Every structure is written in C-alpha cells, then in structure tokens.
C-alpha cells in the first residue's frame, strides 16, 4: 500500500491535454514551458515549423517501436534526467501510428481497434505517470452533433471508446480557441472548464475559465507559484 496526503496532489507532476482545430496553435504551446533546455517534444506529426525560432529537442516518431524507444529514453536514460517537460504532439497521431501497426497484425478491423485502444491506454498512462516531469499532450478535435442540434467540440482519437476515455486520464483538459479581432489580429486562449459546447476541465480549481496559451503561466498558477 502507498499512503499519500491529498494536499500534496499535483504539486510535482502536471498533465495537460489540449484540443483544437488544425492550425490552432497547439504545437506552438510547446515553446511556452519557460524551460526550453529542459523540454522534449515527441512529434508524430512532423509539423514543427511553427517552432523554428526555438531550440527545443524533438524526437520524431514514425512507428510504434519509435514511440516505445522515446519512452524508454525519457524514463531510463541519464541524458533525460534533466527533462522537466514532455510535450507529445500529437497523441491522436501516435494513436494512428499504433492503429496502422495493429491493422498489419490483425485482419479483423474491430480487433485491431481494440488492440490499439489497449496499447494507447497503456502508453498514455505510462507517459502521464513517468514521474518528475510535466506532460503536455496535443490532440485533434472532433465535432459531435447533439440531439438538440448544437455541436459539442472535444478531443478526437481513432475509435469511439478511446475518444470517450481520453479526458478521464488527465486532471487538466483544455480547448484552444482562435479568434480574429476587428483589427485583423489573431487572438488565442484556453478554455479550462466545460460550457456545454466544448469539452474542458480543471480539477485544480486554480484557473480562470479562460487562460492564456502559456504552459509556464498555467503550471505556476496550479502549483501556487504566481
């Protein structure tokens, strides 16, 4: 058995999932940790152009073996001991990589999706619980039409079961909004709580409904450092 104190929860390792439409700026948030030399990006999208002005270490993954190798390096290597932030861009794309692998192994499509969901559940928990690091995962966004005709925007993963369960793995799930104001300036912000149209939650209770797209700022608020 392991005994802990509830007032210690979340004081060391934070986990975030952010969803938005394509091009919303999720990848760019990897540069807002406030510690570029202590940040690693695991990229399955190959879309790091938005970070070309930042010198952040990136690991590009194209196969399931690459993903496991990246995890092993982060969890066990001496080189990775100074890493404070792990950014996974995106968890949706990594799930697609895993699904492609499982489809090669399984002729039965339903079984392939089931195996992918099991693999991803293990991977998500492993990265989330890696210890001593904050973990930021980007995610695609899906739109679901509700019975009243309104739209619900939330995280998107291959397979309904994995899509529905993703938000339960994390204490912090945000929706990134993008808006062009009357002067033509692009504004971005994070929604931290659900409002009936966008899936979001903040279990810390430390955040406002809308926060800037700044991981360092948000981490400091949750940890009581600002």
C-alpha atoms as a PDB file:
ATOM      1  CA  UNK A   1       0.000   0.000   0.000  1.00  0.00           C
ATOM      2  CA  UNK A   2       1.074   3.591  -0.654  1.00  0.00           C
ATOM      3  CA  UNK A   3      -0.129   6.347   1.680  1.00  0.00           C
ATOM      4  CA  UNK A   4      -0.220   9.959   0.498  1.00  0.00           C
ATOM      5  CA  UNK A   5      -1.726  13.274   1.577  1.00  0.00           C
ATOM      6  CA  UNK A   6      -4.428  14.853  -0.578  1.00  0.00           C
ATOM      7  CA  UNK A   7      -2.892  18.308  -0.103  1.00  0.00           C
ATOM      8  CA  UNK A   8       0.211  17.024  -1.916  1.00  0.00           C
ATOM      9  CA  UNK A   9      -1.750  16.046  -5.033  1.00  0.00           C
ATOM     10  CA  UNK A  10      -0.468  17.631  -8.211  1.00  0.00           C
ATOM     11  CA  UNK A  11       2.367  19.564  -6.577  1.00  0.00           C
ATOM     12  CA  UNK A  12       5.047  17.851  -8.636  1.00  0.00           C
ATOM     13  CA  UNK A  13       3.788  16.416 -11.932  1.00  0.00           C
ATOM     14  CA  UNK A  14       1.074  18.032 -14.026  1.00  0.00           C
ATOM     15  CA  UNK A  15      -0.663  16.533 -17.032  1.00  0.00           C
ATOM     16  CA  UNK A  16      -2.440  18.503 -19.751  1.00  0.00           C
ATOM     17  CA  UNK A  17      -4.401  17.644 -22.871  1.00  0.00           C
ATOM     18  CA  UNK A  18      -5.260  20.457 -25.293  1.00  0.00           C
ATOM     19  CA  UNK A  19      -7.558  20.021 -28.272  1.00  0.00           C
ATOM     20  CA  UNK A  20      -8.350  22.431 -31.080  1.00  0.00           C
ATOM     21  CA  UNK A  21      -8.964  22.536 -34.791  1.00  0.00           C
ATOM     22  CA  UNK A  22      -5.977  22.063 -37.103  1.00  0.00           C
ATOM     23  CA  UNK A  23      -3.655  25.062 -37.104  1.00  0.00           C
ATOM     24  CA  UNK A  24      -4.970  26.366 -33.808  1.00  0.00           C
ATOM     25  CA  UNK A  25      -1.535  26.720 -32.219  1.00  0.00           C
ATOM     26  CA  UNK A  26      -1.253  23.584 -30.088  1.00  0.00           C
ATOM     27  CA  UNK A  27       2.275  22.798 -31.259  1.00  0.00           C
ATOM     28  CA  UNK A  28       3.399  26.368 -30.630  1.00  0.00           C
ATOM     29  CA  UNK A  29       2.479  25.964 -26.965  1.00  0.00           C
ATOM     30  CA  UNK A  30       5.431  23.586 -26.581  1.00  0.00           C
ATOM     31  CA  UNK A  31       7.600  26.721 -26.594  1.00  0.00           C
ATOM     32  CA  UNK A  32       5.803  28.191 -23.559  1.00  0.00           C
ATOM     33  CA  UNK A  33       7.141  25.852 -20.863  1.00  0.00           C
ATOM     34  CA  UNK A  34       9.602  28.506 -19.736  1.00  0.00           C
ATOM     35  CA  UNK A  35      12.374  25.890 -19.847  1.00  0.00           C
ATOM     36  CA  UNK A  36      13.349  25.170 -23.474  1.00  0.00           C
ATOM     37  CA  UNK A  37      16.544  23.373 -22.452  1.00  0.00           C
ATOM     38  CA  UNK A  38      14.516  21.090 -20.178  1.00  0.00           C
ATOM     39  CA  UNK A  39      11.755  20.334 -22.677  1.00  0.00           C
ATOM     40  CA  UNK A  40      11.459  17.444 -25.129  1.00  0.00           C
ATOM     41  CA  UNK A  41       8.882  17.187 -27.886  1.00  0.00           C
ATOM     42  CA  UNK A  42       7.772  13.792 -29.170  1.00  0.00           C
ATOM     43  CA  UNK A  43       6.458  14.597 -32.624  1.00  0.00           C
ATOM     44  CA  UNK A  44       4.324  12.241 -34.688  1.00  0.00           C
ATOM     45  CA  UNK A  45       3.046  14.974 -36.985  1.00  0.00           C
ATOM     46  CA  UNK A  46       6.281  16.273 -38.493  1.00  0.00           C
ATOM     47  CA  UNK A  47       4.787  19.739 -38.119  1.00  0.00           C
ATOM     48  CA  UNK A  48       7.475  21.532 -36.141  1.00  0.00           C
ATOM     49  CA  UNK A  49       7.764  24.516 -38.496  1.00  0.00           C
ATOM     50  CA  UNK A  50       5.924  26.753 -36.038  1.00  0.00           C
ATOM     51  CA  UNK A  51       8.807  26.170 -33.577  1.00  0.00           C
ATOM     52  CA  UNK A  52      11.663  27.008 -35.938  1.00  0.00           C
ATOM     53  CA  UNK A  53      12.583  30.058 -33.831  1.00  0.00           C
ATOM     54  CA  UNK A  54      13.090  27.870 -30.747  1.00  0.00           C
ATOM     55  CA  UNK A  55      15.904  25.406 -29.993  1.00  0.00           C
ATOM     56  CA  UNK A  56      13.889  22.617 -28.360  1.00  0.00           C
ATOM     57  CA  UNK A  57      14.929  18.967 -28.541  1.00  0.00           C
ATOM     58  CA  UNK A  58      12.474  16.939 -30.617  1.00  0.00           C
ATOM     59  CA  UNK A  59      12.110  13.197 -31.134  1.00  0.00           C
ATOM     60  CA  UNK A  60      10.290  12.306 -34.337  1.00  0.00           C
ATOM     61  CA  UNK A  61       8.370   9.034 -34.183  1.00  0.00           C
ATOM     62  CA  UNK A  62       7.021   7.170 -37.197  1.00  0.00           C
ATOM     63  CA  UNK A  63       6.496   3.657 -35.820  1.00  0.00           C
ATOM     64  CA  UNK A  64       5.278   2.023 -32.636  1.00  0.00           C
ATOM     65  CA  UNK A  65       8.854   0.988 -31.882  1.00  0.00           C
ATOM     66  CA  UNK A  66       9.901   4.650 -32.102  1.00  0.00           C
ATOM     67  CA  UNK A  67       7.281   5.591 -29.512  1.00  0.00           C
ATOM     68  CA  UNK A  68       8.432   2.939 -27.065  1.00  0.00           C
ATOM     69  CA  UNK A  69      12.073   3.886 -27.646  1.00  0.00           C
ATOM     70  CA  UNK A  70      11.254   7.531 -26.869  1.00  0.00           C
ATOM     71  CA  UNK A  71       9.511   6.498 -23.656  1.00  0.00           C
ATOM     72  CA  UNK A  72      12.405   4.249 -22.604  1.00  0.00           C
ATOM     73  CA  UNK A  73      14.904   7.073 -23.220  1.00  0.00           C
ATOM     74  CA  UNK A  74      12.876   9.510 -21.148  1.00  0.00           C
ATOM     75  CA  UNK A  75      12.241   7.036 -18.344  1.00  0.00           C
ATOM     76  CA  UNK A  76      15.643   5.406 -18.035  1.00  0.00           C
ATOM     77  CA  UNK A  77      18.492   7.318 -19.666  1.00  0.00           C
ATOM     78  CA  UNK A  78      20.919   9.545 -17.804  1.00  0.00           C
ATOM     79  CA  UNK A  79      20.652  12.088 -20.641  1.00  0.00           C
ATOM     80  CA  UNK A  80      16.963  12.626 -19.919  1.00  0.00           C
ATOM     81  CA  UNK A  81      17.245  13.183 -16.175  1.00  0.00           C
ATOM     82  CA  UNK A  82      17.191  16.959 -16.568  1.00  0.00           C
ATOM     83  CA  UNK A  83      13.970  16.953 -18.620  1.00  0.00           C
ATOM     84  CA  UNK A  84      11.157  18.798 -16.836  1.00  0.00           C
ATOM     85  CA  UNK A  85       8.566  18.961 -19.644  1.00  0.00           C
ATOM     86  CA  UNK A  86       7.464  16.261 -22.101  1.00  0.00           C
ATOM     87  CA  UNK A  87       5.322  17.509 -24.983  1.00  0.00           C
ATOM     88  CA  UNK A  88       3.575  14.905 -27.143  1.00  0.00           C
ATOM     89  CA  UNK A  89       2.401  16.284 -30.480  1.00  0.00           C
ATOM     90  CA  UNK A  90       0.010  14.778 -31.046  1.00  0.00           C
ATOM     91  CA  UNK A  91      -1.420  11.883 -29.067  1.00  0.00           C
ATOM     92  CA  UNK A  92      -4.010  11.474 -31.838  1.00  0.00           C
ATOM     93  CA  UNK A  93      -1.294  10.944 -34.444  1.00  0.00           C
ATOM     94  CA  UNK A  94       0.530   8.470 -32.208  1.00  0.00           C
ATOM     95  CA  UNK A  95      -2.731   6.536 -31.910  1.00  0.00           C
ATOM     96  CA  UNK A  96      -2.927   6.469 -35.716  1.00  0.00           C
ATOM     97  CA  UNK A  97       0.620   5.057 -35.803  1.00  0.00           C
ATOM     98  CA  UNK A  98      -0.381   2.350 -33.328  1.00  0.00           C
ATOM     99  CA  UNK A  99      -3.575   1.602 -35.266  1.00  0.00           C
ATOM    100  CA  UNK A 100      -1.627   1.186 -38.513  1.00  0.00           C
ATOM    101  CA  UNK A 101       0.658  -1.267 -36.727  1.00  0.00           C
ATOM    102  CA  UNK A 102      -2.268  -3.250 -35.312  1.00  0.00           C
ATOM    103  CA  UNK A 103      -4.026  -3.410 -38.681  1.00  0.00           C
ATOM    104  CA  UNK A 104      -0.946  -5.093 -40.109  1.00  0.00           C
ATOM    105  CA  UNK A 105      -1.025  -7.602 -37.267  1.00  0.00           C
ATOM    106  CA  UNK A 106      -4.796  -8.229 -37.265  1.00  0.00           C
ATOM    107  CA  UNK A 107      -7.019  -8.965 -40.243  1.00  0.00           C
ATOM    108  CA  UNK A 108     -10.056  -8.301 -38.065  1.00  0.00           C
ATOM    109  CA  UNK A 109     -10.578  -4.499 -38.065  1.00  0.00           C
ATOM    110  CA  UNK A 110     -12.547  -4.457 -34.812  1.00  0.00           C
ATOM    111  CA  UNK A 111      -9.807  -6.428 -33.089  1.00  0.00           C
ATOM    112  CA  UNK A 112      -7.199  -4.020 -34.455  1.00  0.00           C
ATOM    113  CA  UNK A 113      -9.093  -1.070 -32.942  1.00  0.00           C
ATOM    114  CA  UNK A 114      -9.419  -2.920 -29.652  1.00  0.00           C
ATOM    115  CA  UNK A 115      -5.712  -3.701 -29.569  1.00  0.00           C
ATOM    116  CA  UNK A 116      -4.894  -0.086 -30.454  1.00  0.00           C
ATOM    117  CA  UNK A 117      -7.088   1.162 -27.600  1.00  0.00           C
ATOM    118  CA  UNK A 118      -5.335  -1.186 -25.163  1.00  0.00           C
ATOM    119  CA  UNK A 119      -1.895  -0.097 -26.403  1.00  0.00           C
ATOM    120  CA  UNK A 120      -2.770   3.578 -26.212  1.00  0.00           C
ATOM    121  CA  UNK A 121      -4.289   3.282 -22.751  1.00  0.00           C
ATOM    122  CA  UNK A 122      -1.012   1.815 -21.540  1.00  0.00           C
ATOM    123  CA  UNK A 123       1.093   4.411 -23.359  1.00  0.00           C
ATOM    124  CA  UNK A 124      -0.961   7.373 -22.145  1.00  0.00           C
ATOM    125  CA  UNK A 125      -0.795   6.173 -18.547  1.00  0.00           C
ATOM    126  CA  UNK A 126       2.922   5.448 -18.857  1.00  0.00           C
ATOM    127  CA  UNK A 127       3.752   8.930 -20.135  1.00  0.00           C
ATOM    128  CA  UNK A 128       1.348  10.582 -17.693  1.00  0.00           C
ATOM    129  CA  UNK A 129       2.901   8.750 -14.742  1.00  0.00           C
ATOM    130  CA  UNK A 130       6.537   8.911 -15.870  1.00  0.00           C
ATOM    131  CA  UNK A 131       7.382  10.906 -12.735  1.00  0.00           C
ATOM    132  CA  UNK A 132       9.230  14.139 -12.092  1.00  0.00           C
ATOM    133  CA  UNK A 133       8.011  15.783 -15.303  1.00  0.00           C
ATOM    134  CA  UNK A 134       5.052  17.785 -16.520  1.00  0.00           C
ATOM    135  CA  UNK A 135       3.365  16.220 -19.549  1.00  0.00           C
ATOM    136  CA  UNK A 136       1.585  18.197 -22.258  1.00  0.00           C
ATOM    137  CA  UNK A 137      -0.304  16.327 -24.986  1.00  0.00           C
ATOM    138  CA  UNK A 138      -1.929  17.880 -28.024  1.00  0.00           C
ATOM    139  CA  UNK A 139      -4.970  16.263 -29.550  1.00  0.00           C
ATOM    140  CA  UNK A 140      -7.140  16.574 -32.625  1.00  0.00           C
ATOM    141  CA  UNK A 141     -10.645  17.930 -32.184  1.00  0.00           C
ATOM    142  CA  UNK A 142     -13.929  16.341 -33.186  1.00  0.00           C
ATOM    143  CA  UNK A 143     -17.399  17.803 -33.577  1.00  0.00           C
ATOM    144  CA  UNK A 144     -20.434  15.836 -32.443  1.00  0.00           C
ATOM    145  CA  UNK A 145     -23.981  16.975 -33.139  1.00  0.00           C
ATOM    146  CA  UNK A 146     -26.184  16.676 -30.071  1.00  0.00           C
ATOM    147  CA  UNK A 147     -29.877  15.820 -30.023  1.00  0.00           C
ATOM    148  CA  UNK A 148     -30.859  19.480 -29.809  1.00  0.00           C
ATOM    149  CA  UNK A 149     -28.858  20.254 -32.938  1.00  0.00           C
ATOM    150  CA  UNK A 150     -25.996  22.005 -31.150  1.00  0.00           C
ATOM    151  CA  UNK A 151     -22.370  20.974 -31.638  1.00  0.00           C
ATOM    152  CA  UNK A 152     -20.043  19.580 -28.971  1.00  0.00           C
ATOM    153  CA  UNK A 153     -16.300  20.023 -29.545  1.00  0.00           C
ATOM    154  CA  UNK A 154     -13.901  17.673 -27.806  1.00  0.00           C
ATOM    155  CA  UNK A 155     -10.753  15.560 -28.089  1.00  0.00           C
ATOM    156  CA  UNK A 156     -10.604  13.161 -31.039  1.00  0.00           C
ATOM    157  CA  UNK A 157      -8.856   9.801 -31.171  1.00  0.00           C
ATOM    158  CA  UNK A 158      -9.225   6.845 -33.526  1.00  0.00           C
ATOM    159  CA  UNK A 159     -12.062   4.742 -32.191  1.00  0.00           C
ATOM    160  CA  UNK A 160     -15.050   5.858 -30.152  1.00  0.00           C
ATOM    161  CA  UNK A 161     -14.007   4.166 -26.919  1.00  0.00           C
ATOM    162  CA  UNK A 162     -10.591   5.816 -26.826  1.00  0.00           C
ATOM    163  CA  UNK A 163     -12.078   9.192 -27.763  1.00  0.00           C
ATOM    164  CA  UNK A 164     -14.571   8.963 -24.917  1.00  0.00           C
ATOM    165  CA  UNK A 165     -11.992   7.889 -22.340  1.00  0.00           C
ATOM    166  CA  UNK A 166      -9.100  10.245 -23.145  1.00  0.00           C
ATOM    167  CA  UNK A 167     -10.284  13.146 -20.981  1.00  0.00           C
ATOM    168  CA  UNK A 168     -10.569  10.846 -17.953  1.00  0.00           C
ATOM    169  CA  UNK A 169      -6.815  10.218 -17.907  1.00  0.00           C
ATOM    170  CA  UNK A 170      -5.958  13.842 -17.080  1.00  0.00           C
ATOM    171  CA  UNK A 171      -6.805  16.466 -14.489  1.00  0.00           C
ATOM    172  CA  UNK A 172      -6.406  19.309 -16.975  1.00  0.00           C
ATOM    173  CA  UNK A 173      -8.193  19.234 -20.344  1.00  0.00           C
ATOM    174  CA  UNK A 174      -8.353  22.483 -22.296  1.00  0.00           C
ATOM    175  CA  UNK A 175      -9.851  23.694 -25.544  1.00  0.00           C
ATOM    176  CA  UNK A 176      -7.721  26.133 -27.529  1.00  0.00           C
ATOM    177  CA  UNK A 177      -9.778  28.869 -29.194  1.00  0.00           C
ATOM    178  CA  UNK A 178      -8.638  31.057 -32.076  1.00  0.00           C
ATOM    179  CA  UNK A 179     -10.327  34.331 -32.976  1.00  0.00           C
ATOM    180  CA  UNK A 180      -9.508  37.166 -35.379  1.00  0.00           C
ATOM    181  CA  UNK A 181     -10.494  40.522 -33.917  1.00  0.00           C
ATOM    182  CA  UNK A 182     -11.868  43.530 -35.777  1.00  0.00           C
ATOM    183  CA  UNK A 183      -8.341  44.799 -36.437  1.00  0.00           C
ATOM    184  CA  UNK A 184      -7.277  41.523 -38.009  1.00  0.00           C
ATOM    185  CA  UNK A 185      -5.174  40.374 -35.064  1.00  0.00           C
ATOM    186  CA  UNK A 186      -5.262  36.674 -34.205  1.00  0.00           C
ATOM    187  CA  UNK A 187      -6.179  36.008 -30.587  1.00  0.00           C
ATOM    188  CA  UNK A 188      -5.686  32.645 -28.884  1.00  0.00           C
ATOM    189  CA  UNK A 189      -6.805  31.493 -25.446  1.00  0.00           C
ATOM    190  CA  UNK A 190      -7.511  28.319 -23.497  1.00  0.00           C
ATOM    191  CA  UNK A 191     -10.922  27.379 -22.147  1.00  0.00           C
ATOM    192  CA  UNK A 192     -10.426  25.406 -18.929  1.00  0.00           C
ATOM    193  CA  UNK A 193     -13.978  24.390 -17.971  1.00  0.00           C
ATOM    194  CA  UNK A 194     -16.837  22.847 -19.923  1.00  0.00           C
ATOM    195  CA  UNK A 195     -19.675  25.070 -21.104  1.00  0.00           C
ATOM    196  CA  UNK A 196     -21.950  22.625 -22.908  1.00  0.00           C
ATOM    197  CA  UNK A 197     -20.325  23.141 -26.302  1.00  0.00           C
ATOM    198  CA  UNK A 198     -16.633  22.481 -25.581  1.00  0.00           C
ATOM    199  CA  UNK A 199     -15.093  19.673 -23.528  1.00  0.00           C
ATOM    200  CA  UNK A 200     -12.726  21.059 -20.879  1.00  0.00           C
ATOM    201  CA  UNK A 201     -11.953  20.631 -17.183  1.00  0.00           C
ATOM    202  CA  UNK A 202      -9.673  21.958 -14.472  1.00  0.00           C
ATOM    203  CA  UNK A 203      -9.532  19.728 -11.412  1.00  0.00           C
ATOM    204  CA  UNK A 204      -7.037  22.046  -9.712  1.00  0.00           C
ATOM    205  CA  UNK A 205      -9.660  24.762  -9.280  1.00  0.00           C
ATOM    206  CA  UNK A 206      -6.842  27.308  -9.625  1.00  0.00           C
ATOM    207  CA  UNK A 207      -7.599  28.553 -13.128  1.00  0.00           C
ATOM    208  CA  UNK A 208      -9.978  31.093 -14.592  1.00  0.00           C
ATOM    209  CA  UNK A 209     -12.434  29.993 -17.258  1.00  0.00           C
ATOM    210  CA  UNK A 210     -10.128  31.488 -19.883  1.00  0.00           C
ATOM    211  CA  UNK A 211      -6.348  31.476 -19.621  1.00  0.00           C
ATOM    212  CA  UNK A 212      -3.519  32.491 -21.963  1.00  0.00           C
ATOM    213  CA  UNK A 213      -1.861  29.813 -24.113  1.00  0.00           C
ATOM    214  CA  UNK A 214       1.141  29.662 -21.824  1.00  0.00           C
ATOM    215  CA  UNK A 215       2.089  26.403 -20.107  1.00  0.00           C
ATOM    216  CA  UNK A 216       4.521  28.053 -17.694  1.00  0.00           C
ATOM    217  CA  UNK A 217       1.862  30.530 -16.564  1.00  0.00           C
ATOM    218  CA  UNK A 218      -0.710  27.789 -16.049  1.00  0.00           C
ATOM    219  CA  UNK A 219       1.684  25.473 -14.202  1.00  0.00           C
ATOM    220  CA  UNK A 220       2.676  28.279 -11.838  1.00  0.00           C
ATOM    221  CA  UNK A 221      -0.981  29.053 -11.058  1.00  0.00           C
ATOM    222  CA  UNK A 222      -1.801  25.432 -10.336  1.00  0.00           C
ATOM    223  CA  UNK A 223       1.313  24.986  -8.204  1.00  0.00           C
ATOM    224  CA  UNK A 224       0.679  28.237  -6.325  1.00  0.00           C
ATOM    225  CA  UNK A 225       3.833  29.902  -7.611  1.00  0.00           C
ATOM    226  CA  UNK A 226       2.141  33.004  -9.053  1.00  0.00           C
END
